[in-house]
Protein backbone atom coordinates (compact mmCIF):
# COMPACT_ATOMS: atom_id res chain seq x y z
CA MET A 1 -25.17 -72.44 53.89
CA LYS A 2 -26.04 -73.79 50.45
CA SER A 3 -23.64 -73.53 47.55
CA VAL A 4 -23.70 -75.31 44.22
CA ILE A 5 -21.38 -77.98 45.56
CA THR A 6 -23.32 -78.65 48.78
CA THR A 7 -26.61 -78.65 46.86
CA VAL A 8 -25.32 -81.20 44.32
CA VAL A 9 -23.87 -83.47 46.99
CA ALA A 10 -26.98 -83.26 49.19
CA SER A 11 -29.27 -83.97 46.24
CA ALA A 12 -27.28 -87.00 45.14
CA ASP A 13 -27.03 -88.24 48.73
CA ALA A 14 -30.80 -87.89 49.24
CA ALA A 15 -31.35 -89.94 46.08
CA GLY A 16 -28.89 -92.58 47.31
CA ARG A 17 -26.49 -92.13 44.40
CA PHE A 18 -23.19 -90.59 43.47
CA PRO A 19 -23.30 -87.19 41.72
CA SER A 20 -24.05 -87.68 38.01
CA SER A 21 -22.03 -86.24 35.16
CA SER A 22 -24.61 -83.46 34.74
CA ASP A 23 -24.30 -82.70 38.47
CA LEU A 24 -20.54 -82.41 38.08
CA GLU A 25 -20.94 -80.22 34.97
CA SER A 26 -23.08 -77.88 37.05
CA VAL A 27 -20.34 -77.67 39.67
CA GLN A 28 -17.70 -77.13 36.99
CA GLY A 29 -19.74 -74.30 35.42
CA SER A 30 -20.06 -72.65 38.80
CA ILE A 31 -16.32 -72.88 39.37
CA GLN A 32 -15.64 -71.42 35.91
CA ARG A 33 -17.87 -68.43 36.71
CA SER A 34 -16.33 -67.92 40.16
CA ALA A 35 -13.89 -65.20 39.03
CA ALA A 36 -16.78 -63.15 37.60
CA ARG A 37 -18.84 -63.66 40.77
CA LEU A 38 -15.94 -62.59 42.98
CA GLU A 39 -15.36 -59.52 40.82
CA ALA A 40 -19.04 -58.57 41.19
CA ALA A 41 -18.93 -59.17 44.96
CA GLU A 42 -15.82 -57.02 45.29
CA LYS A 43 -17.30 -54.16 43.25
CA LEU A 44 -20.58 -54.30 45.17
CA ALA A 45 -18.82 -54.40 48.55
CA GLY A 46 -16.68 -51.42 47.59
CA ASN A 47 -19.71 -49.42 46.55
CA LEU A 48 -22.44 -50.81 48.82
CA ASP A 49 -23.35 -47.59 50.61
CA ALA A 50 -23.66 -45.57 47.39
CA VAL A 51 -25.64 -48.25 45.53
CA ALA A 52 -28.00 -48.74 48.48
CA LYS A 53 -28.56 -44.99 48.88
CA GLU A 54 -29.28 -44.52 45.18
CA ALA A 55 -31.65 -47.50 45.21
CA TYR A 56 -33.41 -46.21 48.33
CA ASP A 57 -33.79 -42.74 46.80
CA ALA A 58 -35.22 -44.28 43.61
CA CYS A 59 -37.92 -46.15 45.54
CA ILE A 60 -38.87 -43.01 47.48
CA LYS A 61 -39.12 -41.10 44.20
CA LYS A 62 -41.37 -43.78 42.66
CA TYR A 63 -43.55 -44.09 45.78
CA PRO A 64 -44.01 -40.55 47.17
CA TYR A 65 -46.64 -41.81 49.64
CA LEU A 66 -43.67 -43.10 51.66
CA ASN A 67 -43.12 -39.49 52.77
CA ASP A 68 -46.54 -39.45 54.49
CA PRO A 69 -46.64 -39.54 58.31
CA GLY A 70 -45.98 -43.02 59.64
CA GLN A 71 -44.49 -44.24 56.37
CA ALA A 72 -40.92 -45.32 55.51
CA ASN A 73 -39.54 -41.87 54.72
CA SER A 74 -41.41 -39.86 57.33
CA THR A 75 -38.83 -39.85 60.14
CA GLU A 76 -35.07 -40.26 60.38
CA THR A 77 -35.55 -43.52 62.27
CA PHE A 78 -37.79 -44.96 59.57
CA LYS A 79 -35.41 -43.77 56.84
CA GLY A 80 -32.51 -45.45 58.57
CA LYS A 81 -34.40 -48.73 58.93
CA CYS A 82 -35.46 -48.80 55.28
CA LEU A 83 -31.97 -47.98 54.05
CA ARG A 84 -30.65 -50.70 56.38
CA ASP A 85 -33.04 -53.22 54.79
CA VAL A 86 -31.94 -52.29 51.26
CA LYS A 87 -28.31 -52.69 52.34
CA HIS A 88 -29.20 -56.03 53.92
CA TYR A 89 -30.53 -57.40 50.63
CA LEU A 90 -27.52 -56.10 48.70
CA ARG A 91 -25.16 -57.59 51.27
CA LEU A 92 -26.91 -60.95 50.90
CA VAL A 93 -26.50 -60.69 47.12
CA SER A 94 -22.80 -60.13 47.74
CA TYR A 95 -22.63 -63.22 49.99
CA CYS A 96 -24.41 -65.25 47.29
CA LEU A 97 -21.86 -64.12 44.74
CA VAL A 98 -19.07 -65.37 46.99
CA VAL A 99 -20.58 -68.80 47.74
CA GLY A 100 -21.89 -69.34 44.20
CA GLY A 101 -25.45 -70.12 45.26
CA THR A 102 -28.61 -68.59 46.64
CA GLY A 103 -28.15 -69.97 50.15
CA PRO A 104 -27.64 -66.65 51.97
CA LEU A 105 -30.68 -65.09 50.32
CA ASP A 106 -32.77 -68.21 50.93
CA GLU A 107 -31.78 -68.54 54.57
CA TRP A 108 -31.47 -64.92 55.70
CA GLY A 109 -33.48 -62.85 53.23
CA ILE A 110 -36.40 -64.88 51.95
CA ALA A 111 -37.37 -67.42 54.58
CA GLY A 112 -40.27 -65.96 56.50
CA GLN A 113 -40.00 -62.52 54.91
CA ARG A 114 -43.53 -62.46 53.51
CA GLU A 115 -44.97 -63.33 56.90
CA VAL A 116 -42.89 -60.62 58.59
CA TYR A 117 -43.87 -58.00 56.02
CA ARG A 118 -47.54 -58.97 56.27
CA ALA A 119 -47.47 -58.98 60.07
CA LEU A 120 -45.89 -55.52 60.14
CA ASN A 121 -48.06 -54.31 57.26
CA LEU A 122 -44.99 -53.41 55.21
CA PRO A 123 -45.32 -53.21 51.43
CA THR A 124 -42.74 -55.10 49.38
CA ALA A 125 -43.10 -52.94 46.25
CA PRO A 126 -40.59 -50.32 47.48
CA TYR A 127 -37.99 -53.04 48.09
CA VAL A 128 -38.67 -54.46 44.64
CA GLU A 129 -38.20 -50.97 43.18
CA ALA A 130 -34.95 -50.43 45.08
CA LEU A 131 -33.49 -53.75 43.95
CA SER A 132 -34.74 -53.20 40.40
CA PHE A 133 -33.01 -49.82 40.36
CA ALA A 134 -29.78 -51.43 41.59
CA ARG A 135 -30.12 -54.02 38.85
CA ASN A 136 -30.86 -51.57 36.06
CA ARG A 137 -28.18 -49.14 37.23
CA GLY A 138 -25.37 -51.60 36.51
CA CYS A 139 -23.28 -51.04 33.42
CA SER A 140 -20.69 -53.58 32.30
CA ASP A 141 -17.92 -51.22 31.23
CA ARG A 142 -18.39 -48.70 34.04
CA ASP A 143 -19.09 -50.99 36.99
CA MET A 144 -17.83 -54.48 36.21
CA SER A 145 -17.17 -56.93 33.39
CA LYS A 146 -20.05 -58.28 31.33
CA GLN A 147 -19.95 -61.73 32.96
CA ALA A 148 -19.72 -60.24 36.47
CA LEU A 149 -22.78 -58.12 35.71
CA VAL A 150 -24.65 -61.20 34.49
CA GLU A 151 -23.93 -62.96 37.79
CA TYR A 152 -24.91 -59.87 39.83
CA ASN A 153 -28.14 -59.31 37.89
CA ALA A 154 -29.17 -62.95 38.17
CA LEU A 155 -29.05 -62.76 41.96
CA LEU A 156 -30.88 -59.43 42.04
CA ASP A 157 -33.57 -61.00 39.83
CA TYR A 158 -33.81 -63.87 42.29
CA ALA A 159 -34.29 -61.46 45.20
CA ILE A 160 -36.78 -59.34 43.24
CA ASN A 161 -38.84 -62.39 42.31
CA SER A 162 -38.90 -63.53 45.93
CA LEU A 163 -40.33 -60.17 47.00
CA SER A 164 -42.86 -59.91 44.15
């Protein structure tokens, strides 16, 4: 799994050099932000079901066609699978917060996702809406500190951009 440290070391190794001072500054910055990332991961983990449900409901509200027969909100089975997918992305965001890099999202959430969604004829816009809702719902005083929210939102933006 990629983290800032493993990425820096692998990059320097591939170039046949030791990590540069700017590489080490990148690692140091990541370490300095680790408390905020862990706070965000803890808050998300403690509230995952509620955040995922609210995000799922927001995407169904924005895209009412999902209630049509055969669509994501038409049966209990489909509802469960869509909610599971929203939780999956949020869980990966939580893992990224812990490791301090995008490795979990890259490896388990993004790699091959477009091909899977195309093959199954699944739209990505509802997932983008759900993650956007989760991003916009966050409030620094109510949910987490300002820096923790910055870290959380950055990873949600990363996931949103990968689905867009």
